[in-house]
Amino acid sequence: MTAIRLLLVDDDPLVRAGLSLMMGGAQDIEIVGEAADGGEVEALVDRTRPDVVLMDIRMPSVDGLTATRRLRARQDAPQVVVLTTFHADEQVLRALRAGAAGFVLKDTPPAQIVDAVRRVAAGEPVLSPTVTRQLMAHAAGTAADDRRARARARVAVLGEREREVTLAVGRGLSNAEIAAALFMSVATVKTHVSRVLAKLDLNNRVQIALLAYDAGLLDEDRPGRDA
């Protein structure tokens, strides 16, 4: 099995040492480099070609948000997992909108951080439905009316089936769960997800979920709303 190539980015050398220690115990993960600031990331990515970047969100020179945005704008960009100390934080939301595949708290148990790296490398977002709802609740307090209007204009280009899949992704369903709910094959779900990403110029499922919320699709689909 090819090892997952991981780049660690944190301005605290003790945090980097701790991450290196816990990741070094995983046989399927190879640490290919470390950076102390977001400004070092692009050059390191060019040299080391990581699959995943574990990125601190707060750094004194170039922060993780800026570094994530720069990385995700590149072709063949690595996946990014944001390191943070808060569940629902505006910086986290901005990093997710910029293309991060998810986030982990710095006090997360080591085994869960290792699992998050594996999941992101496999193309899965690192956001549970519970955490997604927390983020969406925070977004509700910061979203402006014009954001909803822009989001609705974007999802308007989707076909009916693509819109249904977008809503299901926003609800946190897996491909298998979407397939069962919408009576289609998993392969067909994957095709619809790929089309949604392409049509909306998005990087991953997390961004689909955020856009679905911004557009108010989840409000329209609240359980019991017609009861």
C-alpha atoms as a PDB file:
ATOM      1  CA  MET A   1       0.000   0.000   0.000  1.00  0.00           C
ATOM      2  CA  THR A   2       1.268   3.456  -0.931  1.00  0.00           C
ATOM      3  CA  ALA A   3       1.744   5.601   2.157  1.00  0.00           C
ATOM      4  CA  ILE A   4      -0.232   8.828   2.543  1.00  0.00           C
ATOM      5  CA  ARG A   5       2.181  11.734   2.158  1.00  0.00           C
ATOM      6  CA  LEU A   6       1.541  14.290   4.900  1.00  0.00           C
ATOM      7  CA  LEU A   7       2.798  17.853   5.391  1.00  0.00           C
ATOM      8  CA  LEU A   8       2.548  19.404   8.884  1.00  0.00           C
ATOM      9  CA  VAL A   9       2.069  23.180   9.219  1.00  0.00           C
ATOM     10  CA  ASP A  10       2.038  24.822  12.670  1.00  0.00           C
ATOM     11  CA  ASP A  11       3.981  27.718  14.153  1.00  0.00           C
ATOM     12  CA  ASP A  12       4.383  25.918  17.504  1.00  0.00           C
ATOM     13  CA  PRO A  13       7.347  23.503  17.404  1.00  0.00           C
ATOM     14  CA  LEU A  14       5.888  21.501  20.311  1.00  0.00           C
ATOM     15  CA  VAL A  15       2.637  20.961  18.402  1.00  0.00           C
ATOM     16  CA  ARG A  16       4.569  19.886  15.314  1.00  0.00           C
ATOM     17  CA  ALA A  17       6.646  17.495  17.414  1.00  0.00           C
ATOM     18  CA  GLY A  18       3.509  16.001  18.941  1.00  0.00           C
ATOM     19  CA  LEU A  19       1.828  15.603  15.551  1.00  0.00           C
ATOM     20  CA  SER A  20       4.985  14.077  14.114  1.00  0.00           C
ATOM     21  CA  LEU A  21       5.152  11.590  16.966  1.00  0.00           C
ATOM     22  CA  MET A  22       1.536  10.481  16.664  1.00  0.00           C
ATOM     23  CA  MET A  23       1.608  10.295  12.859  1.00  0.00           C
ATOM     24  CA  GLY A  24       4.946   8.513  12.849  1.00  0.00           C
ATOM     25  CA  GLY A  25       3.307   5.547  14.537  1.00  0.00           C
ATOM     26  CA  ALA A  26       0.969   4.982  11.577  1.00  0.00           C
ATOM     27  CA  GLN A  27       2.527   2.658   9.005  1.00  0.00           C
ATOM     28  CA  ASP A  28       0.391   4.041   6.192  1.00  0.00           C
ATOM     29  CA  ILE A  29       1.353   7.708   6.752  1.00  0.00           C
ATOM     30  CA  GLU A  30       4.661   9.309   5.775  1.00  0.00           C
ATOM     31  CA  ILE A  31       5.540  12.801   7.019  1.00  0.00           C
ATOM     32  CA  VAL A  32       7.239  14.449   4.065  1.00  0.00           C
ATOM     33  CA  GLY A  33       7.821  17.899   5.565  1.00  0.00           C
ATOM     34  CA  GLU A  34       7.076  20.476   8.239  1.00  0.00           C
ATOM     35  CA  ALA A  35       6.469  24.226   8.047  1.00  0.00           C
ATOM     36  CA  ALA A  36       6.263  26.880  10.756  1.00  0.00           C
ATOM     37  CA  ASP A  37       4.259  29.404   8.702  1.00  0.00           C
ATOM     38  CA  GLY A  38       1.752  29.467   5.868  1.00  0.00           C
ATOM     39  CA  GLY A  39       4.205  31.395   3.721  1.00  0.00           C
ATOM     40  CA  GLU A  40       6.432  28.315   3.512  1.00  0.00           C
ATOM     41  CA  VAL A  41       3.710  25.963   2.369  1.00  0.00           C
ATOM     42  CA  GLU A  42       3.623  26.374  -1.409  1.00  0.00           C
ATOM     43  CA  ALA A  43       7.363  25.857  -1.846  1.00  0.00           C
ATOM     44  CA  LEU A  44       7.244  22.803   0.422  1.00  0.00           C
ATOM     45  CA  VAL A  45       4.303  21.382  -1.514  1.00  0.00           C
ATOM     46  CA  ASP A  46       6.274  21.792  -4.749  1.00  0.00           C
ATOM     47  CA  ARG A  47       9.199  19.884  -3.239  1.00  0.00           C
ATOM     48  CA  THR A  48       7.407  17.168  -1.283  1.00  0.00           C
ATOM     49  CA  ARG A  49       4.127  16.585  -3.179  1.00  0.00           C
ATOM     50  CA  PRO A  50       1.957  15.746  -0.144  1.00  0.00           C
ATOM     51  CA  ASP A  51      -1.462  14.126  -0.405  1.00  0.00           C
ATOM     52  CA  VAL A  52      -2.711  15.905   2.725  1.00  0.00           C
ATOM     53  CA  VAL A  53      -1.704  19.088   4.543  1.00  0.00           C
ATOM     54  CA  LEU A  54      -2.507  19.356   8.249  1.00  0.00           C
ATOM     55  CA  MET A  55      -2.752  23.146   8.605  1.00  0.00           C
ATOM     56  CA  ASP A  56      -2.845  25.340  11.699  1.00  0.00           C
ATOM     57  CA  ILE A  57      -5.366  28.112  11.103  1.00  0.00           C
ATOM     58  CA  ARG A  58      -3.661  30.814  13.204  1.00  0.00           C
ATOM     59  CA  MET A  59      -0.044  31.685  12.390  1.00  0.00           C
ATOM     60  CA  PRO A  60       1.694  35.054  12.816  1.00  0.00           C
ATOM     61  CA  SER A  61       2.833  35.785   9.263  1.00  0.00           C
ATOM     62  CA  VAL A  62       0.711  33.967   6.669  1.00  0.00           C
ATOM     63  CA  ASP A  63      -2.252  32.283   8.345  1.00  0.00           C
ATOM     64  CA  GLY A  64      -3.769  28.932   7.498  1.00  0.00           C
ATOM     65  CA  LEU A  65      -6.768  30.493   5.773  1.00  0.00           C
ATOM     66  CA  THR A  66      -4.586  32.333   3.267  1.00  0.00           C
ATOM     67  CA  ALA A  67      -2.345  29.304   2.763  1.00  0.00           C
ATOM     68  CA  THR A  68      -5.376  27.056   2.212  1.00  0.00           C
ATOM     69  CA  ARG A  69      -6.872  29.413  -0.348  1.00  0.00           C
ATOM     70  CA  ARG A  70      -3.587  29.566  -2.242  1.00  0.00           C
ATOM     71  CA  LEU A  71      -3.169  25.785  -2.214  1.00  0.00           C
ATOM     72  CA  ARG A  72      -6.692  24.951  -3.286  1.00  0.00           C
ATOM     73  CA  ALA A  73      -6.412  27.351  -6.235  1.00  0.00           C
ATOM     74  CA  ARG A  74      -3.602  25.217  -7.666  1.00  0.00           C
ATOM     75  CA  GLN A  75      -3.963  22.313 -10.052  1.00  0.00           C
ATOM     76  CA  ASP A  76      -3.509  18.915  -8.377  1.00  0.00           C
ATOM     77  CA  ALA A  77      -3.851  20.604  -4.989  1.00  0.00           C
ATOM     78  CA  PRO A  78      -3.398  18.453  -1.884  1.00  0.00           C
ATOM     79  CA  GLN A  79      -6.285  18.020   0.511  1.00  0.00           C
ATOM     80  CA  VAL A  80      -6.206  20.342   3.530  1.00  0.00           C
ATOM     81  CA  VAL A  81      -7.325  19.566   7.082  1.00  0.00           C
ATOM     82  CA  VAL A  82      -7.457  22.618   9.324  1.00  0.00           C
ATOM     83  CA  LEU A  83      -6.189  22.494  12.911  1.00  0.00           C
ATOM     84  CA  THR A  84      -8.130  24.710  15.290  1.00  0.00           C
ATOM     85  CA  THR A  85      -9.077  25.208  18.931  1.00  0.00           C
ATOM     86  CA  PHE A  86     -12.747  26.101  18.351  1.00  0.00           C
ATOM     87  CA  HIS A  87     -15.663  24.090  16.895  1.00  0.00           C
ATOM     88  CA  ALA A  88     -17.624  26.932  15.325  1.00  0.00           C
ATOM     89  CA  ASP A  89     -15.330  29.743  14.354  1.00  0.00           C
ATOM     90  CA  GLU A  90     -15.508  32.275  11.524  1.00  0.00           C
ATOM     91  CA  GLN A  91     -11.945  31.411  10.450  1.00  0.00           C
ATOM     92  CA  VAL A  92     -12.884  27.733  10.216  1.00  0.00           C
ATOM     93  CA  LEU A  93     -15.904  28.569   8.075  1.00  0.00           C
ATOM     94  CA  ARG A  94     -13.761  30.708   5.795  1.00  0.00           C
ATOM     95  CA  ALA A  95     -11.195  27.909   5.459  1.00  0.00           C
ATOM     96  CA  LEU A  96     -13.935  25.436   4.540  1.00  0.00           C
ATOM     97  CA  ARG A  97     -15.327  27.849   1.971  1.00  0.00           C
ATOM     98  CA  ALA A  98     -11.785  28.190   0.595  1.00  0.00           C
ATOM     99  CA  GLY A  99     -11.615  24.447   0.001  1.00  0.00           C
ATOM    100  CA  ALA A 100     -10.431  22.729   3.177  1.00  0.00           C
ATOM    101  CA  ALA A 101     -11.840  19.196   3.404  1.00  0.00           C
ATOM    102  CA  GLY A 102     -12.581  19.543   7.110  1.00  0.00           C
ATOM    103  CA  PHE A 103     -11.054  20.365  10.446  1.00  0.00           C
ATOM    104  CA  VAL A 104      -9.883  18.745  13.664  1.00  0.00           C
ATOM    105  CA  LEU A 105      -9.551  20.268  17.098  1.00  0.00           C
ATOM    106  CA  LYS A 106      -6.068  20.394  18.577  1.00  0.00           C
ATOM    107  CA  ASP A 107      -7.235  18.444  21.618  1.00  0.00           C
ATOM    108  CA  THR A 108      -8.697  15.644  19.479  1.00  0.00           C
ATOM    109  CA  PRO A 109      -7.464  12.176  20.540  1.00  0.00           C
ATOM    110  CA  PRO A 110      -4.453  11.090  18.411  1.00  0.00           C
ATOM    111  CA  ALA A 111      -6.232   8.101  16.868  1.00  0.00           C
ATOM    112  CA  GLN A 112      -8.995  10.382  15.570  1.00  0.00           C
ATOM    113  CA  ILE A 113      -6.503  12.802  13.996  1.00  0.00           C
ATOM    114  CA  VAL A 114      -4.796   9.879  12.252  1.00  0.00           C
ATOM    115  CA  ASP A 115      -8.216   8.661  11.079  1.00  0.00           C
ATOM    116  CA  ALA A 116      -9.054  12.150   9.783  1.00  0.00           C
ATOM    117  CA  VAL A 117      -5.908  12.171   7.632  1.00  0.00           C
ATOM    118  CA  ARG A 118      -6.793   8.740   6.240  1.00  0.00           C
ATOM    119  CA  ARG A 119     -10.365   9.755   5.484  1.00  0.00           C
ATOM    120  CA  VAL A 120      -9.388  12.958   3.702  1.00  0.00           C
ATOM    121  CA  ALA A 121      -6.767  11.100   1.656  1.00  0.00           C
ATOM    122  CA  ALA A 122      -9.569   8.730   0.597  1.00  0.00           C
ATOM    123  CA  GLY A 123     -11.713  11.653  -0.536  1.00  0.00           C
ATOM    124  CA  GLU A 124     -14.052  11.846   2.460  1.00  0.00           C
ATOM    125  CA  PRO A 125     -14.821  15.109   4.286  1.00  0.00           C
ATOM    126  CA  VAL A 126     -13.871  15.356   7.951  1.00  0.00           C
ATOM    127  CA  LEU A 127     -17.112  16.796   9.256  1.00  0.00           C
ATOM    128  CA  SER A 128     -19.720  14.808  11.127  1.00  0.00           C
ATOM    129  CA  PRO A 129     -23.371  15.819  10.661  1.00  0.00           C
ATOM    130  CA  THR A 130     -23.363  17.118  14.263  1.00  0.00           C
ATOM    131  CA  VAL A 131     -20.365  19.365  13.676  1.00  0.00           C
ATOM    132  CA  THR A 132     -21.814  20.458  10.332  1.00  0.00           C
ATOM    133  CA  ARG A 133     -24.999  21.598  12.091  1.00  0.00           C
ATOM    134  CA  GLN A 134     -22.912  23.557  14.615  1.00  0.00           C
ATOM    135  CA  LEU A 135     -21.081  25.292  11.786  1.00  0.00           C
ATOM    136  CA  MET A 136     -24.306  26.005   9.942  1.00  0.00           C
ATOM    137  CA  ALA A 137     -25.804  27.526  13.092  1.00  0.00           C
ATOM    138  CA  HIS A 138     -22.770  29.778  13.368  1.00  0.00           C
ATOM    139  CA  ALA A 139     -23.055  30.665   9.696  1.00  0.00           C
ATOM    140  CA  ALA A 140     -26.675  31.652  10.239  1.00  0.00           C
ATOM    141  CA  GLY A 141     -25.517  34.393  12.548  1.00  0.00           C
ATOM    142  CA  THR A 142     -23.019  35.757  10.053  1.00  0.00           C
ATOM    143  CA  ALA A 143     -24.661  35.193   6.650  1.00  0.00           C
ATOM    144  CA  ALA A 144     -26.062  38.246   4.901  1.00  0.00           C
ATOM    145  CA  ASP A 145     -29.115  38.356   2.663  1.00  0.00           C
ATOM    146  CA  ASP A 146     -26.951  38.917  -0.398  1.00  0.00           C
ATOM    147  CA  ARG A 147     -25.079  35.668   0.352  1.00  0.00           C
ATOM    148  CA  ARG A 148     -28.358  33.752   0.152  1.00  0.00           C
ATOM    149  CA  ALA A 149     -29.263  35.486  -3.087  1.00  0.00           C
ATOM    150  CA  ARG A 150     -25.882  34.646  -4.611  1.00  0.00           C
ATOM    151  CA  ALA A 151     -26.119  31.048  -3.413  1.00  0.00           C
ATOM    152  CA  ARG A 152     -29.630  30.635  -4.851  1.00  0.00           C
ATOM    153  CA  ALA A 153     -28.446  31.994  -8.193  1.00  0.00           C
ATOM    154  CA  ARG A 154     -25.633  29.444  -8.236  1.00  0.00           C
ATOM    155  CA  VAL A 155     -27.777  26.399  -7.411  1.00  0.00           C
ATOM    156  CA  ALA A 156     -30.329  27.510 -10.009  1.00  0.00           C
ATOM    157  CA  VAL A 157     -28.083  26.043 -12.715  1.00  0.00           C
ATOM    158  CA  LEU A 158     -28.516  22.547 -11.279  1.00  0.00           C
ATOM    159  CA  GLY A 159     -30.911  19.991 -12.688  1.00  0.00           C
ATOM    160  CA  GLU A 160     -33.605  18.448 -10.480  1.00  0.00           C
ATOM    161  CA  ARG A 161     -31.582  15.320  -9.634  1.00  0.00           C
ATOM    162  CA  GLU A 162     -28.426  17.357  -9.019  1.00  0.00           C
ATOM    163  CA  ARG A 163     -30.372  19.617  -6.672  1.00  0.00           C
ATOM    164  CA  GLU A 164     -31.662  16.590  -4.743  1.00  0.00           C
ATOM    165  CA  VAL A 165     -28.141  15.233  -4.388  1.00  0.00           C
ATOM    166  CA  THR A 166     -26.898  18.672  -3.289  1.00  0.00           C
ATOM    167  CA  LEU A 167     -29.564  18.763  -0.584  1.00  0.00           C
ATOM    168  CA  ALA A 168     -28.618  15.256   0.578  1.00  0.00           C
ATOM    169  CA  VAL A 169     -24.940  16.184   0.762  1.00  0.00           C
ATOM    170  CA  GLY A 170     -25.932  19.242   2.772  1.00  0.00           C
ATOM    171  CA  ARG A 171     -27.750  16.974   5.213  1.00  0.00           C
ATOM    172  CA  GLY A 172     -24.511  15.036   5.735  1.00  0.00           C
ATOM    173  CA  LEU A 173     -25.524  11.814   3.954  1.00  0.00           C
ATOM    174  CA  SER A 174     -22.921   9.453   2.524  1.00  0.00           C
ATOM    175  CA  ASN A 175     -23.067   8.290  -1.107  1.00  0.00           C
ATOM    176  CA  ALA A 176     -24.625   4.989  -0.015  1.00  0.00           C
ATOM    177  CA  GLU A 177     -27.265   6.788   2.054  1.00  0.00           C
ATOM    178  CA  ILE A 178     -28.049   9.150  -0.826  1.00  0.00           C
ATOM    179  CA  ALA A 179     -28.354   6.190  -3.196  1.00  0.00           C
ATOM    180  CA  ALA A 180     -30.858   4.494  -0.878  1.00  0.00           C
ATOM    181  CA  ALA A 181     -32.870   7.661  -0.276  1.00  0.00           C
ATOM    182  CA  LEU A 182     -33.079   8.656  -3.952  1.00  0.00           C
ATOM    183  CA  PHE A 183     -33.357   5.129  -5.406  1.00  0.00           C
ATOM    184  CA  MET A 184     -30.234   5.286  -7.547  1.00  0.00           C
ATOM    185  CA  SER A 185     -26.909   3.453  -7.652  1.00  0.00           C
ATOM    186  CA  VAL A 186     -23.866   4.663  -5.733  1.00  0.00           C
ATOM    187  CA  ALA A 187     -22.076   5.121  -9.069  1.00  0.00           C
ATOM    188  CA  THR A 188     -24.878   7.421 -10.237  1.00  0.00           C
ATOM    189  CA  VAL A 189     -24.665   9.407  -7.010  1.00  0.00           C
ATOM    190  CA  LYS A 190     -20.920   9.860  -7.533  1.00  0.00           C
ATOM    191  CA  THR A 191     -21.579  11.073 -11.078  1.00  0.00           C
ATOM    192  CA  HIS A 192     -24.121  13.627  -9.835  1.00  0.00           C
ATOM    193  CA  VAL A 193     -21.738  14.834  -7.110  1.00  0.00           C
ATOM    194  CA  SER A 194     -18.979  15.271  -9.694  1.00  0.00           C
ATOM    195  CA  ARG A 195     -21.322  17.256 -11.936  1.00  0.00           C
ATOM    196  CA  VAL A 196     -22.410  19.477  -9.050  1.00  0.00           C
ATOM    197  CA  LEU A 197     -18.778  20.187  -8.157  1.00  0.00           C
ATOM    198  CA  ALA A 198     -17.997  21.058 -11.781  1.00  0.00           C
ATOM    199  CA  LYS A 199     -21.100  23.203 -12.389  1.00  0.00           C
ATOM    200  CA  LEU A 200     -20.682  25.160  -9.161  1.00  0.00           C
ATOM    201  CA  ASP A 201     -16.870  25.355  -9.380  1.00  0.00           C
ATOM    202  CA  LEU A 202     -16.439  23.778  -5.954  1.00  0.00           C
ATOM    203  CA  ASN A 203     -13.627  21.654  -4.533  1.00  0.00           C
ATOM    204  CA  ASN A 204     -15.365  19.157  -2.271  1.00  0.00           C
ATOM    205  CA  ARG A 205     -18.525  17.994  -0.507  1.00  0.00           C
ATOM    206  CA  VAL A 206     -17.996  20.376   2.408  1.00  0.00           C
ATOM    207  CA  GLN A 207     -18.362  23.327   0.052  1.00  0.00           C
ATOM    208  CA  ILE A 208     -21.503  21.740  -1.431  1.00  0.00           C
ATOM    209  CA  ALA A 209     -22.981  21.494   2.072  1.00  0.00           C
ATOM    210  CA  LEU A 210     -22.138  25.105   2.888  1.00  0.00           C
ATOM    211  CA  LEU A 211     -23.636  26.341  -0.383  1.00  0.00           C
ATOM    212  CA  ALA A 212     -26.792  24.289   0.209  1.00  0.00           C
ATOM    213  CA  TYR A 213     -27.164  25.966   3.585  1.00  0.00           C
ATOM    214  CA  ASP A 214     -26.451  29.441   2.212  1.00  0.00           C
ATOM    215  CA  ALA A 215     -29.113  28.915  -0.458  1.00  0.00           C
ATOM    216  CA  GLY A 216     -31.684  27.886   2.149  1.00  0.00           C
ATOM    217  CA  LEU A 217     -32.151  24.386   0.751  1.00  0.00           C
ATOM    218  CA  LEU A 218     -31.922  22.809   4.201  1.00  0.00           C
ATOM    219  CA  ASP A 219     -34.560  25.201   5.541  1.00  0.00           C
ATOM    220  CA  GLU A 220     -36.909  23.996   2.812  1.00  0.00           C
ATOM    221  CA  ASP A 221     -36.341  20.359   3.795  1.00  0.00           C
ATOM    222  CA  ARG A 222     -36.728  20.486   7.588  1.00  0.00           C
ATOM    223  CA  PRO A 223     -38.301  17.265   8.921  1.00  0.00           C
ATOM    224  CA  GLY A 224     -41.885  17.815   9.958  1.00  0.00           C
ATOM    225  CA  ARG A 225     -42.210  21.221   8.308  1.00  0.00           C
ATOM    226  CA  ASP A 226     -45.427  20.087   6.552  1.00  0.00           C
ATOM    227  CA  ALA A 227     -46.793  18.238   9.590  1.00  0.00           C
END
